[in-house]
Amino acid sequence: MPIIPKPSTAPSTRSEELRSFIFLSVVMAPVLAVLTVAGYGFVVWIYQMFAGPPGS
């Protein structure tokens, strides 16, 4: 029977939480916003390749 190590449950420190918040708000939120807009633009571009431009 393998020995399963107990997960560490040490509380995070204030500096770790601040670093995580800054990473999420300064890096991840803009990256996700750009990827979302770029993905939508790509989907519209591919759709228009098959369906034609609007009004045609």
Protein backbone atom coordinates (compact mmCIF):
# COMPACT_ATOMS: atom_id res chain seq x y z
CA MET A 1 0.00 0.00 0.00
CA PRO A 2 1.58 3.31 -1.05
CA ILE A 3 2.04 6.07 1.45
CA ILE A 4 0.15 9.19 0.39
CA PRO A 5 1.68 12.42 1.69
CA LYS A 6 -0.60 14.79 3.52
CA PRO A 7 -1.19 18.04 1.59
CA SER A 8 0.25 21.17 3.13
CA THR A 9 -2.47 23.28 4.70
CA ALA A 10 -0.30 26.17 5.86
CA PRO A 11 -2.18 29.45 5.53
CA SER A 12 -0.94 31.78 2.82
CA THR A 13 0.82 34.93 3.85
CA ARG A 14 -0.30 38.45 3.04
CA SER A 15 2.58 38.92 0.57
CA GLU A 16 1.65 35.72 -1.29
CA GLU A 17 -1.95 36.89 -1.57
CA LEU A 18 -0.84 40.32 -2.79
CA ARG A 19 1.48 38.75 -5.37
CA SER A 20 -1.32 36.47 -6.56
CA PHE A 21 -3.77 39.37 -6.82
CA ILE A 22 -1.30 41.50 -8.80
CA PHE A 23 -0.56 38.60 -11.14
CA LEU A 24 -4.25 37.93 -11.73
CA SER A 25 -5.23 41.57 -12.22
CA VAL A 26 -2.18 42.86 -14.12
CA VAL A 27 -1.28 39.80 -16.21
CA MET A 28 -4.10 37.30 -16.49
CA ALA A 29 -7.10 39.62 -16.86
CA PRO A 30 -5.65 41.55 -19.84
CA VAL A 31 -4.37 38.36 -21.46
CA LEU A 32 -7.79 36.72 -21.15
CA ALA A 33 -9.50 39.86 -22.49
CA VAL A 34 -7.21 39.99 -25.54
CA LEU A 35 -7.62 36.26 -26.19
CA THR A 36 -11.40 36.56 -25.93
CA VAL A 37 -11.58 39.45 -28.41
CA ALA A 38 -9.08 37.81 -30.76
CA GLY A 39 -10.99 34.52 -30.60
CA TYR A 40 -14.27 36.24 -31.42
CA GLY A 41 -12.64 38.08 -34.32
CA PHE A 42 -11.22 34.80 -35.62
CA VAL A 43 -14.63 33.12 -35.44
CA VAL A 44 -16.25 36.02 -37.33
CA TRP A 45 -13.46 35.95 -39.93
CA ILE A 46 -13.86 32.20 -40.53
CA TYR A 47 -17.66 32.58 -40.68
CA GLN A 48 -17.37 35.33 -43.29
CA MET A 49 -15.05 33.16 -45.40
CA PHE A 50 -17.93 30.72 -45.87
CA ALA A 51 -21.00 32.97 -45.63
CA GLY A 52 -19.62 36.06 -47.34
CA PRO A 53 -19.35 39.57 -45.99
CA PRO A 54 -22.37 41.22 -44.39
CA GLY A 55 -24.95 42.48 -46.88
CA SER A 56 -24.01 40.15 -49.72
